[in-house]
Structures are given as structure tokens and as C-alpha cells.
N, C-alpha and C. Protein backbone atom coordinates (compact mmCIF):
# COMPACT_ATOMS: atom_id res chain seq x y z
N UNK A 1 -86.61 -121.57 -34.79
CA UNK A 1 -86.85 -120.78 -35.86
C UNK A 1 -85.18 -120.18 -36.91
N UNK A 2 -85.83 -120.30 -37.86
CA UNK A 2 -84.60 -120.08 -38.93
C UNK A 2 -84.39 -118.51 -39.05
N UNK A 3 -83.10 -118.32 -39.15
CA UNK A 3 -82.65 -116.84 -38.99
C UNK A 3 -82.61 -116.16 -40.29
N UNK A 4 -82.84 -115.27 -41.02
CA UNK A 4 -82.75 -114.94 -42.52
C UNK A 4 -81.48 -114.18 -42.74
N UNK A 5 -80.97 -114.52 -43.88
CA UNK A 5 -79.34 -114.11 -44.22
C UNK A 5 -79.00 -112.71 -43.99
N UNK A 6 -79.97 -111.89 -43.58
CA UNK A 6 -80.50 -110.41 -43.33
C UNK A 6 -79.87 -110.34 -41.99
N UNK A 7 -80.87 -111.09 -41.20
CA UNK A 7 -80.42 -111.37 -39.62
C UNK A 7 -79.01 -111.48 -39.11
N UNK A 8 -78.65 -112.70 -40.12
CA UNK A 8 -77.47 -113.12 -39.42
C UNK A 8 -76.21 -112.11 -39.74
N UNK A 9 -76.24 -111.35 -40.97
CA UNK A 9 -75.50 -110.57 -41.40
C UNK A 9 -75.54 -109.29 -40.12
N UNK A 10 -76.96 -109.08 -40.04
CA UNK A 10 -76.50 -107.66 -38.81
C UNK A 10 -76.06 -108.51 -37.76
N UNK A 11 -76.43 -109.49 -36.75
CA UNK A 11 -75.53 -110.20 -36.46
C UNK A 11 -74.24 -110.06 -35.98
N UNK A 12 -73.74 -110.76 -36.95
CA UNK A 12 -72.13 -110.98 -37.26
C UNK A 12 -71.86 -109.19 -37.42
N UNK A 13 -72.27 -108.17 -37.94
CA UNK A 13 -72.10 -107.10 -38.02
C UNK A 13 -72.31 -106.55 -36.64
N UNK A 14 -72.99 -106.37 -35.71
CA UNK A 14 -73.23 -105.85 -34.18
C UNK A 14 -71.59 -106.76 -33.39
N UNK A 15 -71.41 -107.87 -33.34
CA UNK A 15 -70.76 -108.75 -32.80
C UNK A 15 -68.62 -108.11 -33.23
N UNK A 16 -68.68 -107.75 -34.78
CA UNK A 16 -67.68 -107.07 -35.26
C UNK A 16 -67.11 -105.97 -34.57
N UNK A 17 -68.37 -105.03 -34.89
CA UNK A 17 -68.22 -103.85 -34.42
C UNK A 17 -68.56 -103.09 -32.72
N UNK A 18 -69.14 -104.45 -31.81
CA UNK A 18 -68.83 -104.15 -30.80
C UNK A 18 -67.79 -104.11 -30.29
N UNK A 19 -66.47 -104.50 -30.35
CA UNK A 19 -65.42 -104.88 -30.36
C UNK A 19 -64.82 -103.34 -30.67
N UNK A 20 -63.88 -103.32 -29.33
CA UNK A 20 -63.33 -101.85 -29.19
C UNK A 20 -62.25 -101.66 -30.64
N UNK A 21 -62.24 -100.69 -31.48
CA UNK A 21 -61.55 -100.37 -32.58
C UNK A 21 -59.76 -100.33 -32.19
N UNK A 22 -59.44 -101.12 -33.14
CA UNK A 22 -57.72 -101.41 -33.36
C UNK A 22 -57.08 -100.41 -33.79
N UNK A 23 -55.76 -99.72 -33.56
CA UNK A 23 -55.13 -98.80 -33.50
C UNK A 23 -54.30 -99.25 -34.98
N UNK A 24 -54.01 -99.05 -35.77
CA UNK A 24 -53.70 -99.51 -37.19
C UNK A 24 -52.00 -98.60 -37.23
N UNK A 25 -50.62 -99.58 -36.90
CA UNK A 25 -49.73 -99.00 -36.19
C UNK A 25 -49.09 -98.72 -37.62
N UNK A 26 -49.24 -99.26 -38.62
CA UNK A 26 -48.43 -99.41 -39.76
C UNK A 26 -48.40 -97.93 -40.22
N UNK A 27 -49.23 -97.57 -40.41
CA UNK A 27 -49.69 -96.13 -41.27
C UNK A 27 -48.74 -94.95 -39.81
N UNK A 28 -48.62 -95.60 -38.67
CA UNK A 28 -48.19 -94.37 -37.94
C UNK A 28 -46.58 -94.87 -38.05
N UNK A 29 -46.32 -95.43 -38.23
CA UNK A 29 -44.55 -96.29 -38.39
C UNK A 29 -44.15 -95.23 -39.72
N UNK A 30 -44.99 -95.80 -40.98
CA UNK A 30 -44.93 -95.18 -42.26
C UNK A 30 -44.15 -93.72 -42.19
N UNK A 31 -45.25 -92.90 -41.34
CA UNK A 31 -45.37 -91.30 -41.21
C UNK A 31 -44.16 -90.81 -40.33
N UNK A 32 -43.95 -92.00 -39.11
CA UNK A 32 -42.88 -91.25 -38.40
C UNK A 32 -41.12 -91.74 -39.38
N UNK A 33 -41.51 -93.07 -39.71
CA UNK A 33 -39.92 -92.80 -40.80
C UNK A 33 -39.64 -92.04 -41.92
N UNK A 34 -40.76 -91.36 -42.64
CA UNK A 34 -40.64 -90.21 -43.12
C UNK A 34 -40.38 -89.01 -43.02
N UNK A 35 -40.93 -88.78 -41.82
CA UNK A 35 -40.54 -87.55 -40.65
C UNK A 35 -38.70 -87.84 -40.37
N UNK A 36 -38.48 -89.18 -39.70
CA UNK A 36 -37.05 -89.07 -39.34
C UNK A 36 -36.43 -88.85 -40.53
N UNK A 37 -36.47 -89.60 -41.49
CA UNK A 37 -36.00 -89.41 -43.05
C UNK A 37 -35.48 -87.83 -43.08
N UNK A 38 -36.61 -87.26 -43.34
CA UNK A 38 -37.01 -85.85 -43.68
C UNK A 38 -36.05 -84.38 -42.47
N UNK A 39 -36.31 -84.94 -41.77
CA UNK A 39 -35.02 -84.45 -40.78
C UNK A 39 -34.08 -84.37 -40.51
N UNK A 40 -33.50 -85.99 -40.83
CA UNK A 40 -32.23 -86.01 -40.94
C UNK A 40 -31.27 -85.50 -42.45
N UNK A 41 -32.42 -85.37 -43.01
CA UNK A 41 -32.11 -84.85 -44.54
C UNK A 41 -31.88 -83.21 -44.29
N UNK A 42 -32.51 -82.53 -43.60
CA UNK A 42 -32.15 -80.92 -43.86
C UNK A 42 -31.77 -80.85 -42.54
N UNK A 43 -31.19 -81.63 -41.67
CA UNK A 43 -30.44 -81.41 -40.22
C UNK A 43 -28.97 -80.64 -40.76
N UNK A 44 -28.61 -80.86 -41.62
CA UNK A 44 -27.06 -80.45 -42.26
C UNK A 44 -26.97 -79.44 -42.90
N UNK A 45 -27.98 -78.58 -42.99
CA UNK A 45 -28.15 -77.28 -43.75
C UNK A 45 -27.27 -76.39 -43.09
N UNK A 46 -27.51 -76.21 -41.70
CA UNK A 46 -27.54 -75.21 -40.45
C UNK A 46 -26.17 -75.81 -40.58
N UNK A 47 -25.38 -74.50 -40.33
CA UNK A 47 -23.94 -74.00 -39.50
C UNK A 47 -24.40 -72.64 -38.88
N UNK A 48 -24.02 -73.48 -37.77
CA UNK A 48 -24.21 -72.59 -36.31
C UNK A 48 -22.83 -72.20 -35.58
N UNK A 49 -22.42 -70.98 -35.62
CA UNK A 49 -20.88 -71.10 -34.75
C UNK A 49 -21.47 -70.34 -33.39
N UNK A 50 -20.66 -71.05 -32.33
CA UNK A 50 -21.15 -70.57 -31.33
C UNK A 50 -20.50 -69.30 -30.51
N UNK A 51 -21.77 -68.51 -30.61
CA UNK A 51 -21.21 -66.97 -30.07
C UNK A 51 -21.34 -66.57 -28.52
N UNK A 52 -20.64 -65.82 -28.59
CA UNK A 52 -20.50 -65.72 -26.99
C UNK A 52 -21.34 -63.77 -26.73
N UNK A 53 -22.06 -63.96 -25.83
CA UNK A 53 -23.31 -62.87 -25.31
C UNK A 53 -22.56 -61.74 -25.84
N UNK A 54 -20.84 -61.34 -25.55
CA UNK A 54 -20.46 -60.22 -25.45
C UNK A 54 -20.09 -59.79 -27.02
N UNK A 55 -20.23 -60.50 -27.99
CA UNK A 55 -19.91 -60.45 -29.23
C UNK A 55 -21.25 -60.46 -30.22
N UNK A 56 -21.41 -58.75 -30.60
CA UNK A 56 -22.72 -58.24 -31.76
C UNK A 56 -21.76 -58.61 -32.88
N UNK A 57 -22.34 -59.44 -33.56
CA UNK A 57 -21.67 -59.90 -35.17
C UNK A 57 -22.51 -58.83 -36.36
N UNK A 58 -21.69 -57.99 -36.80
CA UNK A 58 -22.34 -57.08 -37.96
C UNK A 58 -23.49 -58.06 -38.84
N UNK A 59 -24.23 -57.60 -39.62
CA UNK A 59 -24.99 -57.68 -40.03
C UNK A 59 -24.58 -57.91 -42.19
N UNK A 60 -25.12 -59.03 -42.45
CA UNK A 60 -24.56 -59.12 -43.71
C UNK A 60 -25.76 -59.78 -45.06
N UNK A 61 -25.80 -59.39 -45.88
CA UNK A 61 -26.49 -59.93 -47.23
C UNK A 61 -25.65 -61.34 -47.87
N UNK A 62 -24.53 -61.52 -47.60
CA UNK A 62 -23.46 -62.62 -48.18
C UNK A 62 -24.30 -63.69 -48.42
N UNK A 63 -24.58 -64.65 -49.79
CA UNK A 63 -24.79 -65.74 -49.20
C UNK A 63 -23.68 -67.12 -49.41
N UNK A 64 -22.33 -66.60 -49.36
CA UNK A 64 -21.57 -67.76 -49.60
C UNK A 64 -21.21 -68.07 -47.84
N UNK A 65 -21.32 -69.24 -47.42
CA UNK A 65 -20.92 -69.47 -45.94
C UNK A 65 -19.62 -69.91 -46.48
N UNK A 66 -18.57 -69.58 -45.10
CA UNK A 66 -17.20 -69.50 -44.88
C UNK A 66 -17.32 -71.60 -43.63
N UNK A 67 -16.45 -72.27 -44.75
CA UNK A 67 -15.71 -73.61 -44.14
C UNK A 67 -15.60 -73.36 -42.73
N UNK A 68 -16.11 -74.36 -41.76
CA UNK A 68 -16.19 -75.09 -40.77
C UNK A 68 -14.48 -74.96 -40.27
N UNK A 69 -13.14 -73.69 -39.77
CA UNK A 69 -12.13 -74.01 -39.71
C UNK A 69 -12.01 -73.08 -38.16
N UNK A 70 -10.29 -73.01 -38.02
CA UNK A 70 -10.19 -72.36 -36.79
C UNK A 70 -11.18 -71.01 -36.89
N UNK A 71 -11.17 -70.49 -35.22
CA UNK A 71 -12.30 -69.44 -35.17
C UNK A 71 -11.44 -68.54 -34.17
N UNK A 72 -11.51 -67.84 -34.57
CA UNK A 72 -11.00 -66.81 -33.63
C UNK A 72 -12.08 -65.48 -33.21
N UNK A 73 -12.40 -65.70 -31.63
CA UNK A 73 -13.50 -64.72 -31.29
C UNK A 73 -12.70 -63.53 -30.06
N UNK A 74 -13.33 -62.79 -30.84
CA UNK A 74 -12.61 -61.02 -30.57
C UNK A 74 -13.57 -60.33 -29.63
N UNK A 75 -13.53 -60.67 -28.06
CA UNK A 75 -14.52 -59.48 -27.58
C UNK A 75 -13.86 -58.27 -27.14
N UNK A 76 -14.57 -57.57 -26.61
CA UNK A 76 -13.75 -56.20 -25.95
C UNK A 76 -12.64 -56.22 -25.00
N UNK A 77 -12.46 -57.98 -24.36
CA UNK A 77 -11.41 -57.41 -23.53
C UNK A 77 -10.48 -59.03 -23.92
N UNK A 78 -10.76 -60.15 -24.82
CA UNK A 78 -10.16 -60.95 -24.61
C UNK A 78 -10.15 -61.50 -26.23
N UNK A 79 -9.15 -62.22 -26.45
CA UNK A 79 -9.13 -63.25 -27.93
C UNK A 79 -9.01 -64.35 -27.50
N UNK A 80 -9.82 -64.98 -28.14
CA UNK A 80 -9.90 -67.00 -27.71
C UNK A 80 -9.81 -67.41 -29.03
N UNK A 81 -8.83 -68.35 -29.11
CA UNK A 81 -8.71 -69.05 -30.20
C UNK A 81 -8.98 -70.56 -30.01
N UNK A 82 -10.57 -70.93 -30.53
CA UNK A 82 -10.73 -72.63 -30.52
C UNK A 82 -11.05 -72.68 -29.15
N UNK A 83 -11.82 -71.78 -28.32
CA UNK A 83 -11.93 -71.69 -26.96
C UNK A 83 -11.30 -71.70 -26.05
N UNK A 84 -10.10 -71.29 -26.83
CA UNK A 84 -8.83 -70.99 -25.59
C UNK A 84 -8.42 -69.68 -25.41
N UNK A 85 -8.48 -69.08 -23.94
CA UNK A 85 -8.29 -67.68 -24.12
C UNK A 85 -6.90 -67.45 -24.14
N UNK A 86 -6.35 -66.74 -25.38
CA UNK A 86 -4.77 -66.43 -25.21
C UNK A 86 -4.38 -65.20 -24.84
N UNK A 87 -5.27 -64.46 -24.54
CA UNK A 87 -4.50 -62.96 -24.39
C UNK A 87 -5.58 -62.06 -24.07
N UNK A 88 -5.70 -60.97 -23.45
CA UNK A 88 -6.20 -60.13 -22.90
C UNK A 88 -5.94 -58.64 -23.59
N UNK A 89 -6.84 -58.11 -24.07
CA UNK A 89 -6.85 -56.87 -24.75
C UNK A 89 -6.46 -55.67 -23.87
N UNK A 90 -6.95 -55.94 -22.25
CA UNK A 90 -7.07 -54.49 -21.50
C UNK A 90 -6.26 -54.76 -20.36
N UNK A 91 -4.74 -56.13 -20.84
CA UNK A 91 -3.70 -56.44 -20.02
C UNK A 91 -2.62 -55.22 -20.11
N UNK A 92 -1.78 -54.75 -18.83
CA UNK A 92 -1.10 -53.86 -19.04
C UNK A 92 0.23 -54.02 -20.12
N UNK A 93 0.62 -55.49 -20.78
CA UNK A 93 1.43 -55.46 -21.55
C UNK A 93 0.71 -54.80 -23.00
N UNK A 94 -0.52 -54.94 -23.22
CA UNK A 94 -1.43 -54.48 -24.61
C UNK A 94 -1.30 -55.16 -25.76
N UNK A 95 -1.98 -54.91 -26.55
CA UNK A 95 -2.51 -55.51 -27.91
C UNK A 95 -0.88 -55.84 -28.36
N UNK A 96 -0.22 -55.44 -28.12
CA UNK A 96 1.34 -56.07 -29.04
C UNK A 96 1.71 -57.75 -28.66
N UNK A 97 1.22 -58.16 -26.96
CA UNK A 97 1.87 -58.99 -26.42
C UNK A 97 0.69 -60.01 -26.66
N UNK A 98 -0.89 -59.78 -26.78
CA UNK A 98 -1.76 -60.77 -27.49
C UNK A 98 -1.78 -61.10 -28.56
N UNK A 99 -1.28 -59.71 -29.52
CA UNK A 99 -0.74 -60.16 -31.25
C UNK A 99 0.57 -61.96 -31.02
N UNK A 100 1.39 -61.53 -30.23
CA UNK A 100 2.43 -62.32 -30.00
C UNK A 100 1.87 -63.60 -29.82
N UNK A 101 1.03 -63.82 -28.67
CA UNK A 101 0.57 -65.33 -28.30
C UNK A 101 -0.72 -65.74 -29.68
N UNK A 102 -1.37 -64.63 -29.68
CA UNK A 102 -1.89 -65.25 -31.47
C UNK A 102 -0.97 -65.99 -32.62
N UNK A 103 -0.08 -65.20 -32.60
CA UNK A 103 1.05 -65.71 -33.29
C UNK A 103 1.27 -67.28 -32.89
N UNK A 104 1.96 -67.01 -31.52
CA UNK A 104 2.49 -68.48 -31.26
C UNK A 104 1.31 -69.88 -31.32
N UNK A 105 0.16 -69.72 -30.76
CA UNK A 105 -0.83 -70.29 -31.58
C UNK A 105 -1.26 -70.75 -32.44
N UNK A 106 -1.09 -69.47 -33.73
CA UNK A 106 -1.41 -70.05 -35.08
C UNK A 106 -0.36 -71.17 -35.19
N UNK A 107 0.78 -70.76 -34.94
CA UNK A 107 1.80 -71.94 -35.42
C UNK A 107 1.50 -73.17 -34.82
N UNK A 108 1.11 -73.10 -33.51
CA UNK A 108 0.71 -74.28 -32.87
C UNK A 108 -0.47 -75.14 -33.51
N UNK A 109 -1.24 -74.33 -33.97
CA UNK A 109 -2.37 -75.03 -34.85
C UNK A 109 -2.01 -75.63 -36.02
N UNK A 110 -1.29 -74.90 -36.69
CA UNK A 110 -0.87 -75.12 -38.31
C UNK A 110 0.25 -76.69 -37.80
N UNK A 111 0.96 -76.87 -36.61
CA UNK A 111 1.92 -77.95 -36.45
C UNK A 111 0.89 -78.94 -36.07
N UNK A 112 -0.26 -78.86 -35.63
CA UNK A 112 -1.36 -79.94 -35.49
C UNK A 112 -1.79 -80.77 -36.79
N UNK A 113 -1.64 -79.87 -37.84
CA UNK A 113 -2.36 -80.82 -39.18
C UNK A 113 -1.33 -80.08 -40.38
N UNK A 114 0.00 -80.36 -40.15
CA UNK A 114 0.99 -80.38 -41.18
C UNK A 114 0.61 -80.81 -42.59
N UNK A 115 -0.38 -81.64 -43.42
CA UNK A 115 -0.37 -81.71 -44.88
C UNK A 115 -1.42 -80.79 -45.39
N UNK A 116 -1.16 -79.86 -46.32
CA UNK A 116 -1.90 -79.10 -47.24
C UNK A 116 -2.86 -79.44 -48.02
N UNK A 117 -3.64 -79.06 -48.62
CA UNK A 117 -4.38 -79.67 -49.51
C UNK A 117 -3.98 -78.66 -50.82
N UNK A 118 -4.49 -78.97 -51.91
CA UNK A 118 -3.86 -78.42 -53.14
C UNK A 118 -4.73 -76.74 -53.03
N UNK A 119 -5.88 -77.06 -52.57
CA UNK A 119 -6.77 -75.34 -52.40
C UNK A 119 -5.74 -74.80 -51.16
N UNK A 120 -5.55 -75.38 -50.30
CA UNK A 120 -4.86 -74.83 -49.28
C UNK A 120 -3.04 -74.01 -49.53
N UNK A 121 -2.54 -74.68 -50.45
CA UNK A 121 -1.20 -74.31 -50.94
C UNK A 121 -1.50 -73.08 -51.91
N UNK A 122 -2.49 -73.06 -52.38
CA UNK A 122 -3.04 -71.84 -53.34
C UNK A 122 -3.31 -70.71 -52.37
N UNK A 123 -4.38 -70.89 -51.90
CA UNK A 123 -4.94 -69.66 -50.88
C UNK A 123 -4.48 -69.43 -49.24
N UNK A 124 -4.12 -70.57 -48.91
CA UNK A 124 -3.33 -70.45 -47.37
C UNK A 124 -4.33 -71.22 -46.81
N UNK A 125 -4.15 -71.38 -45.27
CA UNK A 125 -5.12 -71.97 -44.52
C UNK A 125 -6.08 -70.98 -44.03
N UNK A 126 -7.69 -71.63 -44.05
CA UNK A 126 -8.47 -70.93 -43.57
C UNK A 126 -8.85 -70.89 -42.30
N UNK A 127 -9.37 -69.13 -41.74
CA UNK A 127 -9.65 -69.00 -40.62
C UNK A 127 -10.65 -67.86 -39.99
N UNK A 128 -11.65 -68.47 -39.41
CA UNK A 128 -12.53 -67.31 -39.08
C UNK A 128 -12.25 -66.00 -37.91
N UNK A 129 -12.65 -65.13 -38.39
CA UNK A 129 -12.46 -64.33 -37.29
C UNK A 129 -13.90 -63.78 -36.62
N UNK A 130 -13.68 -64.09 -35.55
CA UNK A 130 -15.20 -64.05 -34.93
C UNK A 130 -15.15 -62.24 -33.79
N UNK A 131 -15.45 -61.23 -34.66
CA UNK A 131 -15.59 -60.10 -33.71
C UNK A 131 -16.55 -58.99 -33.53
N UNK A 132 -16.52 -58.69 -32.45
CA UNK A 132 -17.77 -57.46 -32.28
C UNK A 132 -17.91 -56.45 -32.98
N UNK A 133 -18.92 -55.91 -33.34
CA UNK A 133 -19.26 -54.46 -34.74
C UNK A 133 -18.66 -53.51 -34.37
N UNK A 134 -18.42 -53.50 -33.13
CA UNK A 134 -17.83 -52.11 -32.61
C UNK A 134 -16.18 -52.30 -32.35
N UNK A 135 -15.06 -53.69 -33.19
CA UNK A 135 -13.62 -53.49 -32.91
C UNK A 135 -13.28 -52.46 -33.63
N UNK A 136 -12.61 -52.02 -33.19
CA UNK A 136 -11.49 -50.84 -34.04
C UNK A 136 -10.92 -51.99 -35.16
N UNK A 137 -10.98 -50.86 -36.13
CA UNK A 137 -10.54 -51.43 -37.24
C UNK A 137 -8.90 -51.47 -37.41
N UNK A 138 -8.19 -51.04 -36.91
CA UNK A 138 -6.37 -51.42 -36.52
C UNK A 138 -6.82 -52.63 -35.80
N UNK A 139 -7.34 -52.87 -34.76
CA UNK A 139 -7.07 -54.67 -34.31
C UNK A 139 -7.77 -55.24 -34.92
N UNK A 140 -8.66 -54.83 -36.17
CA UNK A 140 -8.67 -56.14 -36.84
C UNK A 140 -7.68 -55.80 -38.31
N UNK A 141 -7.25 -55.36 -38.80
CA UNK A 141 -6.09 -55.20 -39.68
C UNK A 141 -4.62 -56.05 -38.98
N UNK A 142 -4.69 -55.73 -37.54
CA UNK A 142 -3.57 -56.31 -36.84
C UNK A 142 -3.64 -57.58 -36.66
N UNK A 143 -5.09 -58.45 -36.74
CA UNK A 143 -5.42 -59.73 -36.32
C UNK A 143 -5.09 -60.43 -37.71
N UNK A 144 -5.83 -59.78 -39.16
CA UNK A 144 -5.89 -60.50 -40.12
C UNK A 144 -4.16 -60.21 -40.59
N UNK A 145 -3.20 -59.30 -40.59
CA UNK A 145 -1.72 -59.30 -40.85
C UNK A 145 -0.81 -59.89 -39.57
N UNK A 146 -1.34 -60.85 -38.10
CA UNK A 146 -1.12 -61.84 -38.47
C UNK A 146 -1.09 -63.07 -38.57
N UNK A 147 -2.96 -62.91 -38.75
CA UNK A 147 -2.90 -64.57 -39.35
C UNK A 147 -2.22 -64.99 -41.07
N UNK A 148 -2.36 -63.57 -41.49
CA UNK A 148 -1.67 -64.39 -42.91
C UNK A 148 -0.09 -64.00 -42.88
N UNK A 149 0.90 -63.59 -41.60
CA UNK A 149 2.33 -64.05 -41.60
C UNK A 149 2.12 -65.31 -41.10
N UNK A 150 1.38 -66.36 -40.74
CA UNK A 150 1.64 -67.59 -40.78
C UNK A 150 0.30 -68.62 -41.08
N UNK A 151 0.58 -68.03 -42.92
CA UNK A 151 -0.01 -68.69 -43.65
C UNK A 151 -1.44 -68.97 -43.52
N UNK A 152 -2.26 -68.52 -43.03
CA UNK A 152 -3.58 -68.59 -42.56
C UNK A 152 -4.50 -66.95 -43.52
N UNK A 153 -4.39 -67.28 -45.24
CA UNK A 153 -4.37 -66.22 -45.69
C UNK A 153 -5.96 -66.13 -46.31
N UNK A 154 -6.60 -67.07 -45.82
CA UNK A 154 -8.00 -67.78 -46.42
C UNK A 154 -9.25 -66.88 -45.14
N UNK A 155 -9.34 -65.80 -45.14
CA UNK A 155 -10.02 -65.47 -43.83
C UNK A 155 -11.49 -65.57 -44.26
N UNK A 156 -11.97 -65.70 -43.41
CA UNK A 156 -13.15 -64.81 -43.53
C UNK A 156 -14.02 -64.62 -42.10
N UNK A 157 -14.87 -63.61 -42.17
CA UNK A 157 -15.10 -62.65 -40.99
C UNK A 157 -17.04 -63.50 -41.26
N UNK A 158 -16.93 -63.76 -39.53
CA UNK A 158 -18.41 -64.03 -39.12
C UNK A 158 -19.43 -63.04 -39.48
N UNK A 159 -20.48 -63.12 -39.65
CA UNK A 159 -21.20 -62.09 -39.79
C UNK A 159 -22.54 -62.62 -39.52
N UNK A 160 -23.51 -62.25 -39.17
CA UNK A 160 -25.08 -62.54 -39.07
C UNK A 160 -25.91 -62.15 -40.66
N UNK A 161 -26.26 -63.28 -41.08
CA UNK A 161 -26.84 -63.05 -42.62
C UNK A 161 -28.61 -62.23 -42.22
N UNK A 162 -28.78 -61.42 -43.35
CA UNK A 162 -30.16 -61.28 -42.96
C UNK A 162 -30.36 -60.84 -44.38
N UNK A 163 -31.85 -60.97 -44.56
CA UNK A 163 -32.41 -61.14 -46.17
C UNK A 163 -31.93 -59.45 -46.58
N UNK A 164 -31.82 -59.89 -47.70
CA UNK A 164 -31.74 -58.57 -48.73
C UNK A 164 -32.83 -58.13 -49.17
N UNK A 165 -32.79 -56.55 -48.77
CA UNK A 165 -33.96 -55.32 -48.83
C UNK A 165 -34.08 -55.24 -49.94
N UNK A 166 -35.30 -55.64 -51.20
CA UNK A 166 -36.06 -55.85 -52.20
C UNK A 166 -35.97 -53.69 -52.46
N UNK A 167 -35.20 -53.36 -53.61
CA UNK A 167 -35.06 -52.07 -53.86
C UNK A 167 -36.76 -51.58 -54.50
N UNK A 168 -36.82 -50.61 -53.57
CA UNK A 168 -38.18 -49.68 -53.71
C UNK A 168 -38.28 -48.76 -54.52
N UNK A 169 -38.89 -48.78 -55.51
CA UNK A 169 -38.90 -47.90 -56.64
C UNK A 169 -39.63 -46.89 -55.98
N UNK A 170 -38.84 -45.16 -56.58
CA UNK A 170 -39.49 -44.03 -56.14
C UNK A 170 -40.96 -43.77 -56.87
N UNK A 171 -41.74 -43.57 -55.99
CA UNK A 171 -43.25 -42.96 -56.62
C UNK A 171 -42.99 -42.12 -57.63
N UNK A 172 -43.84 -42.21 -58.68
CA UNK A 172 -44.04 -41.73 -59.37
C UNK A 172 -43.99 -40.01 -59.35
N UNK A 173 -43.44 -38.98 -59.82
CA UNK A 173 -43.97 -37.68 -59.60
C UNK A 173 -44.96 -37.10 -60.36
N UNK A 174 -45.45 -36.26 -59.44
CA UNK A 174 -46.71 -35.90 -60.18
C UNK A 174 -46.18 -34.61 -60.78
N UNK A 175 -45.84 -33.86 -62.30
CA UNK A 175 -45.45 -33.18 -62.97
C UNK A 175 -46.53 -32.44 -63.82
N UNK A 176 -46.79 -31.65 -64.21
CA UNK A 176 -47.74 -31.27 -65.06
C UNK A 176 -47.30 -30.54 -65.88
């Protein structure tokens, strides 16, 4: 017996749809490629300084970001430059010996990169001071004086960035 066109079409569709569905990998590859490019583009926007647990940074609403340069970490007990502990603030020699060691370290760091750009000739070399928010102002002043004496005059202070709080208008007073 001869099959009708409709019967042939139905048999063909049953054979075709009876197989397991195939996964379209082209669409997945497109999605993953777009995802990889998105992550690559947006990964360079975040600059994170490695903070110690002993240092609590102050909060700020400043918008400008410091350039990544030499970092001086000041904790309650130590001063660390580029990961190397150069002195203890609790030592018997005191702060003066630690500042002398800082002076020596800054001279060494400057000798490692002797060529200055035009901007560095005008502003001085740049340095980031990462200190605890409870650090005494006298110590901060001595650190900044030591840095500027060694031509590190472009000084940035590391802070936590917080969102600026919108000003709240005072509620209208009810005067009669």
C-alpha cells in the first residue's frame, strides 16, 4: 500500500525527533567569550592595597586615586616599607632610630630608580603612607618630613573610600 505524503512526513518527523536533542555549543561559546571580555575589561578598575589586620584605615569620600608607588605601612609597633620591616616603634632606641632607618631605606629605593620623569622632577617622587587612624599626628608629621627630605614630596595617605552622604534638608518648621 502506498503511503500518503502526510504519513511520510509524520514518519520522518518521528524519526527526527526520536533522537536525543543536541546541545548547540556555538551559542555557549559566544556567551563565554563575551563574559571573558567583560571580566578582562572591568578587572583593571580596582586598586587594592594589601592592608594589615593591625592597621585600621580612616574613611574618606575622596575621588582621586593614588598612583601605585612605594608604600610605607605604619602599625602600632612597626614601620614597613615595601614589605620589609625597617624598625620598631616600641624599641628602646625609639622613633628617632626608626626614622633614621626609614631615611636609609628611602635613599635605597630612590637609588634603584634614578631616572625621574618630568612630573616627578616638579612634584617629587611619590609615596603612599598607610597608617592606622589612631596614629599620633606627631609621628605622621615626622614620617612626612623624612619623606620630603628625601625628595618624596608627592605624599598620599591610604584611606577607605566611602560613599558621600547626601545632605539632608531640615524639615520645614511649623510656625504660626
